[in-house]
Amino acid sequence: MAKKRRRKSAEPKEIVLREAKEAAAVEQYWQTGNLPNLHKPRQTYKYIDELARLQFELIKLQEWIRLYGLKVIVIFEGRDAAGKGGVIKRIVESLNPRICRVVALGTPTERQRGQWYFQRYVAELPAKGEMVLFDRSWYNRAGVERVMGFCSDDEYAEFLRSCPLFEEMLVRSGFYLIKYWFSVNDEEQELRFQERIRNPIKRWKLSPMDVESRKRWVEYSKAKDVMFEHTDRKQTPWHVVNADNKKRARLNCIRHLLKQIPYRDMRPVEIDLPPRQPDTGYRRPDKSTQRFVPEVY
């Protein structure tokens, strides 16, 4: 029997520092101006270099979406701890939140339970010139609700019947609909769960529902297979991301997303700052009348 891998859990401070260094490295890379168009990476690529290139392409895509009034929906589904949140974070960190926003709905209220199932998701759909990233979506019904018994058999059957129709209607109405399923193997998910348990910075990510889902691995696998059978259509296909390696998953997903929407280089134009208004003798209040934050650092 093969031994299970053991991963040394990073200290909380190390994780914060590592992510800060990643963000700083990406920003430094942008300032060099060495930003070629999307291309096939070399076998010896560096993660930061590729992430910087892809994030810069996302900025171009954002401008295209804004100027041409596109309506883009991107759905992120998959196993717990598969890395969906990490990909979403890397997509949005370089974009304008007024154009690209994340939707992560919580448990439905009593009133929402009495609505048409898709109703609360429809309220979050993008308008012209917007892109919405769904961190979990209407597919909750085919996954957690089905496995945990939060919906009836009739509600589940109706979802499988109506979901493809709903999504085809969205596409016919002019929406781009892109669906990603993040796949992670049993052993890797176990390692990530253990890391979340030990790490106070990541512990909030591990909910009681996640723990319960771990116990029902096979049931979730069956639910996913049935979901794909009914909703993986030519017009609205699922795209599976191999997420056993987080960094590769991030790069592969972002690169694939960029290829789903034809766009051209829409780099923002250079801006000339106007001269500052001249001082005409206005006297400002004394600083002693204001409450300043203590300068501890």
C-alpha atoms as a PDB file:
ATOM      1  CA  MET A   1       0.000   0.000   0.000  1.00  0.00           C
ATOM      2  CA  ALA A   2       1.442   3.344  -1.049  1.00  0.00           C
ATOM      3  CA  LYS A   3       2.320   5.757   1.702  1.00  0.00           C
ATOM      4  CA  LYS A   4       0.320   8.946   1.894  1.00  0.00           C
ATOM      5  CA  ARG A   5       2.265  12.085   1.188  1.00  0.00           C
ATOM      6  CA  ARG A   6       2.925  14.408   4.067  1.00  0.00           C
ATOM      7  CA  ARG A   7       3.102  18.085   3.398  1.00  0.00           C
ATOM      8  CA  LYS A   8       4.794  20.424   5.801  1.00  0.00           C
ATOM      9  CA  SER A   9       2.252  23.050   6.757  1.00  0.00           C
ATOM     10  CA  ALA A  10       3.526  26.565   6.216  1.00  0.00           C
ATOM     11  CA  GLU A  11       3.320  28.985   9.113  1.00  0.00           C
ATOM     12  CA  PRO A  12       0.537  31.629   8.832  1.00  0.00           C
ATOM     13  CA  LYS A  13       3.102  34.446   8.576  1.00  0.00           C
ATOM     14  CA  GLU A  14       4.900  32.587   5.787  1.00  0.00           C
ATOM     15  CA  ILE A  15       1.664  32.287   3.779  1.00  0.00           C
ATOM     16  CA  VAL A  16       0.881  35.998   4.087  1.00  0.00           C
ATOM     17  CA  LEU A  17       4.463  36.881   3.142  1.00  0.00           C
ATOM     18  CA  ARG A  18       4.450  34.484   0.187  1.00  0.00           C
ATOM     19  CA  GLU A  19       1.255  35.983  -1.277  1.00  0.00           C
ATOM     20  CA  ALA A  20       2.541  39.523  -0.725  1.00  0.00           C
ATOM     21  CA  LYS A  21       5.768  38.642  -2.542  1.00  0.00           C
ATOM     22  CA  GLU A  22       3.776  37.151  -5.426  1.00  0.00           C
ATOM     23  CA  ALA A  23       1.691  40.331  -5.804  1.00  0.00           C
ATOM     24  CA  ALA A  24       4.805  42.516  -5.579  1.00  0.00           C
ATOM     25  CA  ALA A  25       6.646  40.403  -8.142  1.00  0.00           C
ATOM     26  CA  VAL A  26       3.751  40.641 -10.594  1.00  0.00           C
ATOM     27  CA  GLU A  27       3.588  44.424 -10.181  1.00  0.00           C
ATOM     28  CA  GLN A  28       7.345  44.717 -10.659  1.00  0.00           C
ATOM     29  CA  TYR A  29       7.108  42.626 -13.813  1.00  0.00           C
ATOM     30  CA  TRP A  30       4.437  44.929 -15.262  1.00  0.00           C
ATOM     31  CA  GLN A  31       6.661  47.960 -14.728  1.00  0.00           C
ATOM     32  CA  THR A  32       9.382  46.512 -16.941  1.00  0.00           C
ATOM     33  CA  GLY A  33       7.110  46.821 -19.965  1.00  0.00           C
ATOM     34  CA  ASN A  34       8.149  43.344 -21.107  1.00  0.00           C
ATOM     35  CA  LEU A  35       4.596  42.174 -21.808  1.00  0.00           C
ATOM     36  CA  PRO A  36       4.240  40.104 -24.984  1.00  0.00           C
ATOM     37  CA  ASN A  37       0.886  38.894 -26.237  1.00  0.00           C
ATOM     38  CA  LEU A  38      -0.617  35.575 -25.192  1.00  0.00           C
ATOM     39  CA  HIS A  39       1.664  32.812 -26.415  1.00  0.00           C
ATOM     40  CA  LYS A  40       2.555  29.237 -25.731  1.00  0.00           C
ATOM     41  CA  PRO A  41       4.866  29.247 -22.692  1.00  0.00           C
ATOM     42  CA  ARG A  42       8.306  27.669 -22.797  1.00  0.00           C
ATOM     43  CA  GLN A  43       8.857  24.457 -20.854  1.00  0.00           C
ATOM     44  CA  THR A  44      11.092  26.428 -18.495  1.00  0.00           C
ATOM     45  CA  TYR A  45       8.518  29.146 -17.779  1.00  0.00           C
ATOM     46  CA  LYS A  46       8.378  30.977 -14.445  1.00  0.00           C
ATOM     47  CA  TYR A  47       5.050  31.090 -12.629  1.00  0.00           C
ATOM     48  CA  ILE A  48       5.243  34.817 -11.828  1.00  0.00           C
ATOM     49  CA  ASP A  49       6.150  35.705 -15.424  1.00  0.00           C
ATOM     50  CA  GLU A  50       3.212  33.760 -16.844  1.00  0.00           C
ATOM     51  CA  LEU A  51       0.784  35.104 -14.230  1.00  0.00           C
ATOM     52  CA  ALA A  52       1.834  38.673 -15.024  1.00  0.00           C
ATOM     53  CA  ARG A  53       1.348  38.117 -18.760  1.00  0.00           C
ATOM     54  CA  LEU A  54      -2.067  36.560 -18.261  1.00  0.00           C
ATOM     55  CA  GLN A  55      -3.231  39.252 -15.859  1.00  0.00           C
ATOM     56  CA  PHE A  56      -2.191  41.913 -18.345  1.00  0.00           C
ATOM     57  CA  GLU A  57      -4.227  40.142 -21.022  1.00  0.00           C
ATOM     58  CA  LEU A  58      -7.182  40.131 -18.627  1.00  0.00           C
ATOM     59  CA  ILE A  59      -6.942  43.932 -18.477  1.00  0.00           C
ATOM     60  CA  LYS A  60      -7.200  44.051 -22.274  1.00  0.00           C
ATOM     61  CA  LEU A  61     -10.175  41.679 -22.173  1.00  0.00           C
ATOM     62  CA  GLN A  62     -11.827  43.850 -19.535  1.00  0.00           C
ATOM     63  CA  GLU A  63     -11.536  46.925 -21.751  1.00  0.00           C
ATOM     64  CA  TRP A  64     -13.011  44.985 -24.660  1.00  0.00           C
ATOM     65  CA  ILE A  65     -15.944  43.837 -22.518  1.00  0.00           C
ATOM     66  CA  ARG A  66     -16.571  47.384 -21.295  1.00  0.00           C
ATOM     67  CA  LEU A  67     -16.314  49.156 -24.633  1.00  0.00           C
ATOM     68  CA  TYR A  68     -18.343  46.630 -26.619  1.00  0.00           C
ATOM     69  CA  GLY A  69     -20.971  45.965 -23.962  1.00  0.00           C
ATOM     70  CA  LEU A  70     -20.373  42.225 -23.591  1.00  0.00           C
ATOM     71  CA  LYS A  71     -22.148  40.236 -20.879  1.00  0.00           C
ATOM     72  CA  VAL A  72     -19.888  37.519 -19.505  1.00  0.00           C
ATOM     73  CA  ILE A  73     -20.778  34.823 -16.953  1.00  0.00           C
ATOM     74  CA  VAL A  74     -18.042  32.547 -15.610  1.00  0.00           C
ATOM     75  CA  ILE A  75     -19.045  29.682 -13.303  1.00  0.00           C
ATOM     76  CA  PHE A  76     -16.553  28.024 -10.940  1.00  0.00           C
ATOM     77  CA  GLU A  77     -17.606  24.672  -9.483  1.00  0.00           C
ATOM     78  CA  GLY A  78     -15.761  21.637  -8.186  1.00  0.00           C
ATOM     79  CA  ARG A  79     -14.582  19.712  -5.178  1.00  0.00           C
ATOM     80  CA  ASP A  80     -14.048  21.512  -1.885  1.00  0.00           C
ATOM     81  CA  ALA A  81     -10.432  22.736  -1.573  1.00  0.00           C
ATOM     82  CA  ALA A  82      -9.914  22.319  -5.324  1.00  0.00           C
ATOM     83  CA  GLY A  83      -8.526  25.857  -5.674  1.00  0.00           C
ATOM     84  CA  LYS A  84     -11.460  27.774  -7.165  1.00  0.00           C
ATOM     85  CA  GLY A  85     -10.947  30.688  -4.792  1.00  0.00           C
ATOM     86  CA  GLY A  86      -7.267  31.003  -5.678  1.00  0.00           C
ATOM     87  CA  VAL A  87      -8.030  31.269  -9.391  1.00  0.00           C
ATOM     88  CA  ILE A  88     -10.805  33.800  -8.835  1.00  0.00           C
ATOM     89  CA  LYS A  89      -8.478  35.890  -6.660  1.00  0.00           C
ATOM     90  CA  ARG A  90      -5.807  35.987  -9.386  1.00  0.00           C
ATOM     91  CA  ILE A  91      -8.369  36.975 -12.014  1.00  0.00           C
ATOM     92  CA  VAL A  92      -9.938  39.879 -10.135  1.00  0.00           C
ATOM     93  CA  GLU A  93      -6.874  41.364  -8.420  1.00  0.00           C
ATOM     94  CA  SER A  94      -5.841  43.259 -11.562  1.00  0.00           C
ATOM     95  CA  LEU A  95      -9.348  44.202 -12.732  1.00  0.00           C
ATOM     96  CA  ASN A  96     -11.862  46.964 -12.043  1.00  0.00           C
ATOM     97  CA  PRO A  97     -14.474  45.692  -9.539  1.00  0.00           C
ATOM     98  CA  ARG A  98     -17.113  47.832 -11.256  1.00  0.00           C
ATOM     99  CA  ILE A  99     -16.639  45.739 -14.399  1.00  0.00           C
ATOM    100  CA  CYS A 100     -15.607  42.353 -13.007  1.00  0.00           C
ATOM    101  CA  ARG A 101     -17.309  41.267  -9.788  1.00  0.00           C
ATOM    102  CA  VAL A 102     -17.499  38.043  -7.799  1.00  0.00           C
ATOM    103  CA  VAL A 103     -20.799  36.520  -6.671  1.00  0.00           C
ATOM    104  CA  ALA A 104     -20.686  34.024  -3.793  1.00  0.00           C
ATOM    105  CA  LEU A 105     -24.212  33.627  -2.479  1.00  0.00           C
ATOM    106  CA  GLY A 106     -24.856  32.221   0.965  1.00  0.00           C
ATOM    107  CA  THR A 107     -27.628  29.965   2.227  1.00  0.00           C
ATOM    108  CA  PRO A 108     -30.995  31.014   0.724  1.00  0.00           C
ATOM    109  CA  THR A 109     -33.434  32.793   3.004  1.00  0.00           C
ATOM    110  CA  GLU A 110     -36.912  31.478   3.723  1.00  0.00           C
ATOM    111  CA  ARG A 111     -38.324  33.892   1.154  1.00  0.00           C
ATOM    112  CA  GLN A 112     -35.802  32.806  -1.477  1.00  0.00           C
ATOM    113  CA  ARG A 113     -36.688  29.161  -0.885  1.00  0.00           C
ATOM    114  CA  GLY A 114     -40.200  30.034  -1.980  1.00  0.00           C
ATOM    115  CA  GLN A 115     -39.017  31.647  -5.217  1.00  0.00           C
ATOM    116  CA  TRP A 116     -38.313  30.091  -8.593  1.00  0.00           C
ATOM    117  CA  TYR A 117     -34.986  28.330  -8.044  1.00  0.00           C
ATOM    118  CA  PHE A 118     -32.994  30.414 -10.554  1.00  0.00           C
ATOM    119  CA  GLN A 119     -34.497  33.709  -9.398  1.00  0.00           C
ATOM    120  CA  ARG A 120     -31.824  34.853  -6.969  1.00  0.00           C
ATOM    121  CA  TYR A 121     -29.088  34.006  -9.473  1.00  0.00           C
ATOM    122  CA  VAL A 122     -30.811  35.968 -12.249  1.00  0.00           C
ATOM    123  CA  ALA A 123     -30.602  39.072 -10.046  1.00  0.00           C
ATOM    124  CA  GLU A 124     -26.785  38.745 -10.101  1.00  0.00           C
ATOM    125  CA  LEU A 125     -26.328  38.373 -13.867  1.00  0.00           C
ATOM    126  CA  PRO A 126     -24.104  40.940 -15.594  1.00  0.00           C
ATOM    127  CA  ALA A 127     -25.420  43.952 -17.457  1.00  0.00           C
ATOM    128  CA  LYS A 128     -23.764  45.184 -20.658  1.00  0.00           C
ATOM    129  CA  GLY A 129     -20.076  45.778 -20.183  1.00  0.00           C
ATOM    130  CA  GLU A 130     -19.760  43.492 -17.151  1.00  0.00           C
ATOM    131  CA  MET A 131     -18.231  40.146 -16.247  1.00  0.00           C
ATOM    132  CA  VAL A 132     -19.517  38.156 -13.261  1.00  0.00           C
ATOM    133  CA  LEU A 133     -17.583  35.293 -11.669  1.00  0.00           C
ATOM    134  CA  PHE A 134     -19.850  32.875  -9.794  1.00  0.00           C
ATOM    135  CA  ASP A 135     -18.003  31.211  -6.901  1.00  0.00           C
ATOM    136  CA  ARG A 136     -20.526  28.370  -6.784  1.00  0.00           C
ATOM    137  CA  SER A 137     -23.742  28.879  -8.702  1.00  0.00           C
ATOM    138  CA  TRP A 138     -27.131  27.390  -9.499  1.00  0.00           C
ATOM    139  CA  TYR A 139     -25.311  24.054  -9.680  1.00  0.00           C
ATOM    140  CA  ASN A 140     -25.594  23.868  -5.881  1.00  0.00           C
ATOM    141  CA  ARG A 141     -28.823  22.006  -6.536  1.00  0.00           C
ATOM    142  CA  ALA A 142     -27.053  19.285  -8.497  1.00  0.00           C
ATOM    143  CA  GLY A 143     -24.281  18.978  -5.927  1.00  0.00           C
ATOM    144  CA  VAL A 144     -24.553  19.822  -2.248  1.00  0.00           C
ATOM    145  CA  GLU A 145     -28.354  20.062  -2.182  1.00  0.00           C
ATOM    146  CA  ARG A 146     -28.710  16.668  -3.844  1.00  0.00           C
ATOM    147  CA  VAL A 147     -26.105  14.878  -1.724  1.00  0.00           C
ATOM    148  CA  MET A 148     -27.102  16.467   1.591  1.00  0.00           C
ATOM    149  CA  GLY A 149     -30.836  16.070   0.991  1.00  0.00           C
ATOM    150  CA  PHE A 150     -31.596  19.810   0.949  1.00  0.00           C
ATOM    151  CA  CYS A 151     -33.925  19.422  -2.035  1.00  0.00           C
ATOM    152  CA  SER A 152     -36.593  16.875  -2.932  1.00  0.00           C
ATOM    153  CA  ASP A 153     -36.264  14.301  -5.694  1.00  0.00           C
ATOM    154  CA  ASP A 154     -38.803  16.235  -7.752  1.00  0.00           C
ATOM    155  CA  GLU A 155     -36.869  19.509  -7.346  1.00  0.00           C
ATOM    156  CA  TYR A 156     -33.662  17.757  -8.349  1.00  0.00           C
ATOM    157  CA  ALA A 157     -35.241  16.158 -11.428  1.00  0.00           C
ATOM    158  CA  GLU A 158     -36.748  19.483 -12.451  1.00  0.00           C
ATOM    159  CA  PHE A 159     -33.351  21.181 -12.146  1.00  0.00           C
ATOM    160  CA  LEU A 160     -31.689  18.629 -14.435  1.00  0.00           C
ATOM    161  CA  ARG A 161     -34.456  19.156 -16.976  1.00  0.00           C
ATOM    162  CA  SER A 162     -34.666  22.962 -16.829  1.00  0.00           C
ATOM    163  CA  CYS A 163     -31.004  23.938 -16.299  1.00  0.00           C
ATOM    164  CA  PRO A 164     -29.896  23.277 -19.911  1.00  0.00           C
ATOM    165  CA  LEU A 165     -32.925  25.237 -21.146  1.00  0.00           C
ATOM    166  CA  PHE A 166     -32.135  28.117 -18.787  1.00  0.00           C
ATOM    167  CA  GLU A 167     -28.517  28.254 -19.926  1.00  0.00           C
ATOM    168  CA  GLU A 168     -29.389  28.045 -23.615  1.00  0.00           C
ATOM    169  CA  MET A 169     -31.774  30.941 -23.071  1.00  0.00           C
ATOM    170  CA  LEU A 170     -28.934  32.966 -21.561  1.00  0.00           C
ATOM    171  CA  VAL A 171     -26.697  32.266 -24.555  1.00  0.00           C
ATOM    172  CA  ARG A 172     -29.464  33.172 -27.018  1.00  0.00           C
ATOM    173  CA  SER A 173     -29.945  36.416 -25.082  1.00  0.00           C
ATOM    174  CA  GLY A 174     -26.344  37.419 -25.777  1.00  0.00           C
ATOM    175  CA  PHE A 175     -24.507  36.203 -22.686  1.00  0.00           C
ATOM    176  CA  TYR A 176     -21.139  34.483 -22.821  1.00  0.00           C
ATOM    177  CA  LEU A 177     -21.461  31.496 -20.453  1.00  0.00           C
ATOM    178  CA  ILE A 178     -18.234  29.742 -19.454  1.00  0.00           C
ATOM    179  CA  LYS A 179     -18.316  26.861 -16.949  1.00  0.00           C
ATOM    180  CA  TYR A 180     -15.319  25.421 -15.094  1.00  0.00           C
ATOM    181  CA  TRP A 181     -15.175  22.287 -12.966  1.00  0.00           C
ATOM    182  CA  PHE A 182     -12.097  22.032 -10.735  1.00  0.00           C
ATOM    183  CA  SER A 183     -11.023  18.431 -10.283  1.00  0.00           C
ATOM    184  CA  VAL A 184      -8.752  17.386  -7.430  1.00  0.00           C
ATOM    185  CA  ASN A 185      -7.822  13.851  -6.448  1.00  0.00           C
ATOM    186  CA  ASP A 186      -8.695  12.226  -3.143  1.00  0.00           C
ATOM    187  CA  GLU A 187      -5.199  12.368  -1.690  1.00  0.00           C
ATOM    188  CA  GLU A 188      -4.568  15.996  -2.605  1.00  0.00           C
ATOM    189  CA  GLN A 189      -7.909  17.113  -1.156  1.00  0.00           C
ATOM    190  CA  GLU A 190      -7.035  15.324   2.088  1.00  0.00           C
ATOM    191  CA  LEU A 191      -3.714  17.185   2.282  1.00  0.00           C
ATOM    192  CA  ARG A 192      -5.422  20.531   1.729  1.00  0.00           C
ATOM    193  CA  PHE A 193      -8.071  19.788   4.344  1.00  0.00           C
ATOM    194  CA  GLN A 194      -5.371  18.898   6.868  1.00  0.00           C
ATOM    195  CA  GLU A 195      -3.528  22.122   6.055  1.00  0.00           C
ATOM    196  CA  ARG A 196      -6.689  24.152   6.640  1.00  0.00           C
ATOM    197  CA  ILE A 197      -7.270  22.438   9.968  1.00  0.00           C
ATOM    198  CA  ARG A 198      -3.748  23.312  11.183  1.00  0.00           C
ATOM    199  CA  ASN A 199      -3.547  26.796   9.728  1.00  0.00           C
ATOM    200  CA  PRO A 200      -5.631  29.525  11.464  1.00  0.00           C
ATOM    201  CA  ILE A 201      -5.418  31.761   8.381  1.00  0.00           C
ATOM    202  CA  LYS A 202      -7.111  29.108   6.237  1.00  0.00           C
ATOM    203  CA  ARG A 203      -9.315  27.474   8.860  1.00  0.00           C
ATOM    204  CA  TRP A 204     -12.334  29.661   7.957  1.00  0.00           C
ATOM    205  CA  LYS A 205     -12.320  27.980   4.543  1.00  0.00           C
ATOM    206  CA  LEU A 206     -13.158  24.624   6.120  1.00  0.00           C
ATOM    207  CA  SER A 207     -16.869  24.685   6.955  1.00  0.00           C
ATOM    208  CA  PRO A 208     -18.870  21.882   8.605  1.00  0.00           C
ATOM    209  CA  MET A 209     -20.381  21.265   5.162  1.00  0.00           C
ATOM    210  CA  ASP A 210     -16.892  20.712   3.730  1.00  0.00           C
ATOM    211  CA  VAL A 211     -16.138  18.147   6.409  1.00  0.00           C
ATOM    212  CA  GLU A 212     -19.405  16.366   5.690  1.00  0.00           C
ATOM    213  CA  SER A 213     -18.706  16.394   1.960  1.00  0.00           C
ATOM    214  CA  ARG A 214     -15.401  14.657   2.648  1.00  0.00           C
ATOM    215  CA  LYS A 215     -17.324  11.746   4.179  1.00  0.00           C
ATOM    216  CA  ARG A 216     -19.511  11.528   1.062  1.00  0.00           C
ATOM    217  CA  TRP A 217     -16.809  11.527  -1.603  1.00  0.00           C
ATOM    218  CA  VAL A 218     -18.427   8.789  -3.709  1.00  0.00           C
ATOM    219  CA  GLU A 219     -21.895  10.354  -3.519  1.00  0.00           C
ATOM    220  CA  TYR A 220     -20.479  13.669  -4.736  1.00  0.00           C
ATOM    221  CA  SER A 221     -18.710  11.853  -7.565  1.00  0.00           C
ATOM    222  CA  LYS A 222     -21.981  10.274  -8.672  1.00  0.00           C
ATOM    223  CA  ALA A 223     -23.803  13.613  -8.434  1.00  0.00           C
ATOM    224  CA  LYS A 224     -21.110  15.300 -10.555  1.00  0.00           C
ATOM    225  CA  ASP A 225     -21.315  12.585 -13.222  1.00  0.00           C
ATOM    226  CA  VAL A 226     -25.108  12.882 -13.453  1.00  0.00           C
ATOM    227  CA  MET A 227     -24.829  16.672 -13.597  1.00  0.00           C
ATOM    228  CA  PHE A 228     -22.370  16.483 -16.490  1.00  0.00           C
ATOM    229  CA  GLU A 229     -24.568  13.979 -18.308  1.00  0.00           C
ATOM    230  CA  HIS A 230     -27.475  16.444 -18.307  1.00  0.00           C
ATOM    231  CA  THR A 231     -25.735  19.838 -18.553  1.00  0.00           C
ATOM    232  CA  ASP A 232     -22.557  19.318 -20.585  1.00  0.00           C
ATOM    233  CA  ARG A 233     -24.036  20.533 -23.870  1.00  0.00           C
ATOM    234  CA  LYS A 234     -22.338  21.663 -27.056  1.00  0.00           C
ATOM    235  CA  GLN A 235     -23.679  25.197 -26.639  1.00  0.00           C
ATOM    236  CA  THR A 236     -22.929  25.347 -22.889  1.00  0.00           C
ATOM    237  CA  PRO A 237     -20.065  22.902 -22.225  1.00  0.00           C
ATOM    238  CA  TRP A 238     -18.180  22.162 -19.031  1.00  0.00           C
ATOM    239  CA  HIS A 239     -14.421  22.705 -18.998  1.00  0.00           C
ATOM    240  CA  VAL A 240     -12.547  20.522 -16.497  1.00  0.00           C
ATOM    241  CA  VAL A 241      -9.472  22.008 -14.794  1.00  0.00           C
ATOM    242  CA  ASN A 242      -6.945  19.574 -13.373  1.00  0.00           C
ATOM    243  CA  ALA A 243      -6.363  21.272 -10.014  1.00  0.00           C
ATOM    244  CA  ASP A 244      -3.947  18.871  -8.296  1.00  0.00           C
ATOM    245  CA  ASN A 245      -1.271  21.547  -8.779  1.00  0.00           C
ATOM    246  CA  LYS A 246      -2.674  24.931  -7.725  1.00  0.00           C
ATOM    247  CA  LYS A 247      -0.302  27.174  -9.679  1.00  0.00           C
ATOM    248  CA  ARG A 248      -0.684  25.250 -12.912  1.00  0.00           C
ATOM    249  CA  ALA A 249      -4.457  25.226 -12.465  1.00  0.00           C
ATOM    250  CA  ARG A 250      -4.493  29.013 -12.085  1.00  0.00           C
ATOM    251  CA  LEU A 251      -2.443  29.591 -15.231  1.00  0.00           C
ATOM    252  CA  ASN A 252      -4.321  27.012 -17.312  1.00  0.00           C
ATOM    253  CA  CYS A 253      -7.735  28.318 -16.301  1.00  0.00           C
ATOM    254  CA  ILE A 254      -6.927  31.993 -16.915  1.00  0.00           C
ATOM    255  CA  ARG A 255      -5.324  31.203 -20.273  1.00  0.00           C
ATOM    256  CA  HIS A 256      -8.353  29.161 -21.307  1.00  0.00           C
ATOM    257  CA  LEU A 257     -10.735  31.930 -20.206  1.00  0.00           C
ATOM    258  CA  LEU A 258      -8.893  34.443 -22.373  1.00  0.00           C
ATOM    259  CA  LYS A 259      -9.354  32.187 -25.395  1.00  0.00           C
ATOM    260  CA  GLN A 260     -13.135  31.930 -24.942  1.00  0.00           C
ATOM    261  CA  ILE A 261     -13.839  35.554 -25.866  1.00  0.00           C
ATOM    262  CA  PRO A 262     -12.329  37.059 -29.045  1.00  0.00           C
ATOM    263  CA  TYR A 263     -10.746  40.408 -28.107  1.00  0.00           C
ATOM    264  CA  ARG A 264      -8.111  42.799 -29.336  1.00  0.00           C
ATOM    265  CA  ASP A 265      -5.434  44.830 -27.600  1.00  0.00           C
ATOM    266  CA  MET A 266      -7.340  47.539 -25.751  1.00  0.00           C
ATOM    267  CA  ARG A 267      -4.610  48.929 -23.541  1.00  0.00           C
ATOM    268  CA  PRO A 268      -5.759  52.113 -21.786  1.00  0.00           C
ATOM    269  CA  VAL A 269      -4.620  55.307 -23.500  1.00  0.00           C
ATOM    270  CA  GLU A 270      -1.954  57.454 -21.880  1.00  0.00           C
ATOM    271  CA  ILE A 271      -3.371  60.135 -19.588  1.00  0.00           C
ATOM    272  CA  ASP A 272      -1.891  63.613 -19.228  1.00  0.00           C
ATOM    273  CA  LEU A 273      -2.487  65.043 -15.800  1.00  0.00           C
ATOM    274  CA  PRO A 274      -3.806  68.628 -15.870  1.00  0.00           C
ATOM    275  CA  PRO A 275      -1.940  71.289 -13.844  1.00  0.00           C
ATOM    276  CA  ARG A 276      -2.992  71.621 -10.221  1.00  0.00           C
ATOM    277  CA  GLN A 277      -5.319  74.510  -9.357  1.00  0.00           C
ATOM    278  CA  PRO A 278      -3.235  77.486  -8.150  1.00  0.00           C
ATOM    279  CA  ASP A 279      -3.349  78.446  -4.486  1.00  0.00           C
ATOM    280  CA  THR A 280      -5.374  81.647  -4.105  1.00  0.00           C
ATOM    281  CA  GLY A 281      -4.689  82.125  -0.419  1.00  0.00           C
ATOM    282  CA  TYR A 282      -7.172  79.614   1.021  1.00  0.00           C
ATOM    283  CA  ARG A 283      -6.271  78.832   4.614  1.00  0.00           C
ATOM    284  CA  ARG A 284      -6.967  75.282   5.727  1.00  0.00           C
ATOM    285  CA  PRO A 285      -7.984  74.315   9.293  1.00  0.00           C
ATOM    286  CA  ASP A 286      -5.213  73.605  11.775  1.00  0.00           C
ATOM    287  CA  LYS A 287      -4.150  69.953  11.842  1.00  0.00           C
ATOM    288  CA  SER A 288      -4.694  69.885  15.604  1.00  0.00           C
ATOM    289  CA  THR A 289      -8.459  69.907  14.942  1.00  0.00           C
ATOM    290  CA  GLN A 290      -8.261  66.548  13.160  1.00  0.00           C
ATOM    291  CA  ARG A 291      -7.953  63.021  14.536  1.00  0.00           C
ATOM    292  CA  PHE A 292      -4.957  61.292  12.976  1.00  0.00           C
ATOM    293  CA  VAL A 293      -4.251  57.586  13.063  1.00  0.00           C
ATOM    294  CA  PRO A 294      -1.261  56.969  15.371  1.00  0.00           C
ATOM    295  CA  GLU A 295       1.940  56.444  13.376  1.00  0.00           C
ATOM    296  CA  VAL A 296       3.100  53.241  15.059  1.00  0.00           C
ATOM    297  CA  TYR A 297       5.133  52.137  12.025  1.00  0.00           C
END
